């Protein structure tokens, strides 16, 4: 009976250590811009940080506004 308990505890410990997420290197960069003006220098920094290739892409998540479709014009 004691051996079953010991085996159960060991198997649980092994399963718990294997369930830990593996740490991997970041796959990209995140550049967050808050509200307000977007200067030319800020946009150049964004593009320089992105280091875009020909097959890369940028996702733009527009900010909310009380006026429909106004966030597109602010970019």
N, C-alpha and C. Protein backbone atom coordinates (compact mmCIF):
# COMPACT_ATOMS: atom_id res chain seq x y z
N UNK A 1 0.83 -1.20 0.00
CA UNK A 1 0.00 0.00 0.00
C UNK A 1 0.87 1.26 0.00
N UNK A 2 1.97 1.23 0.78
CA UNK A 2 2.86 2.40 0.83
C UNK A 2 3.51 2.64 -0.52
N UNK A 3 3.86 1.54 -1.21
CA UNK A 3 4.52 1.68 -2.51
C UNK A 3 3.60 2.33 -3.53
N UNK A 4 2.32 2.02 -3.48
CA UNK A 4 1.37 2.64 -4.40
C UNK A 4 1.28 4.14 -4.17
N UNK A 5 1.28 4.52 -2.90
CA UNK A 5 1.23 5.95 -2.57
C UNK A 5 2.49 6.66 -3.06
N UNK A 6 3.63 6.04 -2.84
CA UNK A 6 4.90 6.63 -3.26
C UNK A 6 4.94 6.74 -4.80
N UNK A 7 4.51 5.70 -5.49
CA UNK A 7 4.49 5.72 -6.94
C UNK A 7 3.53 6.79 -7.45
N UNK A 8 2.37 6.91 -6.81
CA UNK A 8 1.39 7.93 -7.21
C UNK A 8 1.96 9.33 -7.03
N UNK A 9 2.64 9.56 -5.93
CA UNK A 9 3.24 10.87 -5.67
C UNK A 9 4.34 11.15 -6.69
N UNK A 10 5.17 10.18 -7.00
CA UNK A 10 6.24 10.37 -7.97
C UNK A 10 5.68 10.63 -9.37
N UNK A 11 4.68 9.89 -9.77
CA UNK A 11 4.08 10.11 -11.08
C UNK A 11 3.43 11.49 -11.17
N UNK A 12 2.80 11.93 -10.10
CA UNK A 12 2.20 13.26 -10.07
C UNK A 12 3.28 14.33 -10.18
N UNK A 13 4.38 14.16 -9.48
CA UNK A 13 5.48 15.13 -9.54
C UNK A 13 6.09 15.18 -10.94
N UNK A 14 6.26 14.02 -11.56
CA UNK A 14 6.82 13.99 -12.92
C UNK A 14 5.87 14.66 -13.90
N UNK A 15 4.58 14.38 -13.78
CA UNK A 15 3.59 15.00 -14.68
C UNK A 15 3.56 16.51 -14.48
N UNK A 16 3.68 16.97 -13.24
CA UNK A 16 3.64 18.41 -12.97
C UNK A 16 4.86 19.12 -13.54
N UNK A 17 6.02 18.50 -13.49
CA UNK A 17 7.22 19.16 -14.03
C UNK A 17 7.19 19.19 -15.55
N UNK A 18 6.59 18.20 -16.18
CA UNK A 18 6.49 18.19 -17.64
C UNK A 18 5.41 19.14 -18.14
N UNK A 19 4.49 19.55 -17.29
CA UNK A 19 3.40 20.43 -17.69
C UNK A 19 3.82 21.90 -17.72
N UNK A 20 5.02 22.21 -17.24
CA UNK A 20 5.48 23.59 -17.21
C UNK A 20 5.71 24.09 -18.64
N UNK A 21 5.29 25.34 -18.94
CA UNK A 21 5.50 25.87 -20.30
C UNK A 21 6.98 26.07 -20.59
N UNK A 22 7.36 25.80 -21.80
CA UNK A 22 8.74 26.01 -22.23
C UNK A 22 8.92 27.48 -22.60
N UNK A 23 10.02 28.07 -22.16
CA UNK A 23 10.30 29.47 -22.48
C UNK A 23 11.00 29.53 -23.83
N UNK A 24 10.45 30.32 -24.72
CA UNK A 24 11.06 30.48 -26.04
C UNK A 24 11.39 31.95 -26.26
N UNK A 25 12.22 32.18 -27.23
CA UNK A 25 12.59 33.56 -27.57
C UNK A 25 11.38 34.28 -28.16
N UNK A 26 11.29 35.59 -27.96
CA UNK A 26 10.17 36.34 -28.54
C UNK A 26 10.17 36.21 -30.06
N UNK A 27 8.97 36.17 -30.64
CA UNK A 27 8.85 36.00 -32.08
C UNK A 27 8.69 37.31 -32.81
N UNK A 28 8.55 38.40 -32.12
CA UNK A 28 8.37 39.69 -32.78
C UNK A 28 8.52 40.82 -31.79
N UNK A 29 8.09 41.99 -32.22
CA UNK A 29 8.20 43.18 -31.38
C UNK A 29 6.84 43.82 -31.26
N UNK A 30 6.63 44.46 -30.15
CA UNK A 30 5.37 45.14 -29.88
C UNK A 30 5.68 46.62 -29.66
N UNK A 31 5.05 47.47 -30.41
CA UNK A 31 5.27 48.92 -30.33
C UNK A 31 3.92 49.55 -30.04
N UNK A 32 3.74 50.03 -28.83
CA UNK A 32 2.44 50.56 -28.42
C UNK A 32 2.49 52.07 -28.43
N UNK A 33 1.51 52.67 -29.08
CA UNK A 33 1.40 54.13 -29.13
C UNK A 33 0.08 54.49 -28.47
N UNK A 34 0.13 55.33 -27.48
CA UNK A 34 -1.09 55.77 -26.80
C UNK A 34 -1.79 56.88 -27.57
N UNK A 35 -2.77 57.48 -26.94
CA UNK A 35 -3.50 58.57 -27.59
C UNK A 35 -2.62 59.79 -27.80
N UNK A 36 -3.09 60.69 -28.60
CA UNK A 36 -2.34 61.92 -28.84
C UNK A 36 -1.76 61.97 -30.22
N UNK A 37 -0.92 62.95 -30.44
CA UNK A 37 -0.32 63.17 -31.76
C UNK A 37 0.73 62.12 -32.07
N UNK A 38 0.87 61.80 -33.34
CA UNK A 38 1.90 60.88 -33.81
C UNK A 38 2.85 61.68 -34.70
N UNK A 39 3.97 62.02 -34.17
CA UNK A 39 4.92 62.83 -34.91
C UNK A 39 5.61 61.98 -35.99
N UNK A 40 6.23 62.64 -36.92
CA UNK A 40 6.98 61.95 -37.97
C UNK A 40 8.12 61.14 -37.34
N UNK A 41 8.77 61.72 -36.34
CA UNK A 41 9.87 61.03 -35.66
C UNK A 41 9.38 59.74 -34.99
N UNK A 42 8.20 59.79 -34.39
CA UNK A 42 7.63 58.61 -33.74
C UNK A 42 7.34 57.52 -34.77
N UNK A 43 6.77 57.91 -35.91
CA UNK A 43 6.45 56.93 -36.95
C UNK A 43 7.73 56.35 -37.57
N UNK A 44 8.78 57.14 -37.70
CA UNK A 44 10.05 56.63 -38.21
C UNK A 44 10.67 55.64 -37.22
N UNK A 45 10.54 55.94 -35.93
CA UNK A 45 11.02 55.03 -34.90
C UNK A 45 10.24 53.71 -34.95
N UNK A 46 8.95 53.80 -35.17
CA UNK A 46 8.11 52.61 -35.30
C UNK A 46 8.60 51.73 -36.45
N UNK A 47 8.82 52.33 -37.60
CA UNK A 47 9.27 51.57 -38.77
C UNK A 47 10.69 51.02 -38.58
N UNK A 48 11.55 51.79 -37.93
CA UNK A 48 12.91 51.31 -37.66
C UNK A 48 12.92 50.15 -36.68
N UNK A 49 12.06 50.21 -35.69
CA UNK A 49 11.97 49.13 -34.70
C UNK A 49 11.40 47.87 -35.33
N UNK A 50 10.46 48.03 -36.24
CA UNK A 50 9.79 46.88 -36.86
C UNK A 50 10.73 46.06 -37.73
N UNK A 51 11.72 46.70 -38.35
CA UNK A 51 12.65 46.01 -39.25
C UNK A 51 11.88 45.11 -40.22
N UNK A 52 10.95 45.71 -40.94
CA UNK A 52 10.06 44.95 -41.82
C UNK A 52 10.79 44.39 -43.04
N UNK A 53 10.43 43.16 -43.37
CA UNK A 53 10.89 42.54 -44.60
C UNK A 53 9.77 42.61 -45.63
N UNK A 54 10.03 42.07 -46.82
CA UNK A 54 9.03 42.15 -47.89
C UNK A 54 7.77 41.35 -47.58
N UNK A 55 7.88 40.30 -46.79
CA UNK A 55 6.72 39.46 -46.49
C UNK A 55 6.14 39.73 -45.09
N UNK A 56 6.67 40.71 -44.39
CA UNK A 56 6.17 41.04 -43.06
C UNK A 56 4.94 41.93 -43.16
N UNK A 57 4.25 42.07 -42.05
CA UNK A 57 3.05 42.90 -42.02
C UNK A 57 2.96 43.65 -40.69
N UNK A 58 2.10 44.66 -40.67
CA UNK A 58 1.86 45.46 -39.48
C UNK A 58 0.38 45.38 -39.17
N UNK A 59 0.04 45.22 -37.91
CA UNK A 59 -1.35 45.23 -37.48
C UNK A 59 -1.62 46.56 -36.78
N UNK A 60 -2.63 47.26 -37.23
CA UNK A 60 -3.00 48.54 -36.63
C UNK A 60 -4.34 48.34 -35.91
N UNK A 61 -4.33 48.57 -34.63
CA UNK A 61 -5.55 48.47 -33.84
C UNK A 61 -6.00 49.89 -33.52
N UNK A 62 -6.99 50.40 -34.22
CA UNK A 62 -7.38 51.80 -34.04
C UNK A 62 -7.97 52.06 -32.66
N UNK A 63 -7.80 53.31 -32.23
CA UNK A 63 -8.35 53.69 -30.94
C UNK A 63 -9.84 53.96 -31.07
N UNK A 64 -10.53 53.90 -29.98
CA UNK A 64 -11.97 54.15 -30.01
C UNK A 64 -12.26 55.65 -30.06
N UNK A 65 -13.43 55.97 -30.57
CA UNK A 65 -13.84 57.36 -30.70
C UNK A 65 -15.36 57.44 -30.67
N UNK A 66 -15.87 58.57 -30.32
CA UNK A 66 -17.32 58.78 -30.35
C UNK A 66 -17.82 58.94 -31.78
N UNK A 67 -16.91 59.30 -32.70
CA UNK A 67 -17.28 59.49 -34.10
C UNK A 67 -16.91 58.24 -34.89
N UNK A 68 -17.83 57.69 -35.67
CA UNK A 68 -17.52 56.49 -36.46
C UNK A 68 -16.39 56.74 -37.46
N UNK A 69 -15.49 55.77 -37.56
CA UNK A 69 -14.39 55.78 -38.52
C UNK A 69 -13.41 56.93 -38.36
N UNK A 70 -13.42 57.64 -37.26
CA UNK A 70 -12.48 58.75 -37.10
C UNK A 70 -11.08 58.26 -36.75
N UNK A 71 -10.95 57.06 -36.18
CA UNK A 71 -9.62 56.58 -35.78
C UNK A 71 -8.74 56.31 -37.00
N UNK A 72 -9.32 55.98 -38.13
CA UNK A 72 -8.54 55.73 -39.34
C UNK A 72 -7.82 57.00 -39.79
N UNK A 73 -8.47 58.12 -39.68
CA UNK A 73 -7.90 59.39 -40.15
C UNK A 73 -6.79 59.88 -39.24
N UNK A 74 -6.73 59.40 -37.99
CA UNK A 74 -5.70 59.84 -37.06
C UNK A 74 -4.36 59.14 -37.31
N UNK A 75 -4.37 58.06 -38.07
CA UNK A 75 -3.15 57.32 -38.33
C UNK A 75 -2.37 57.97 -39.40
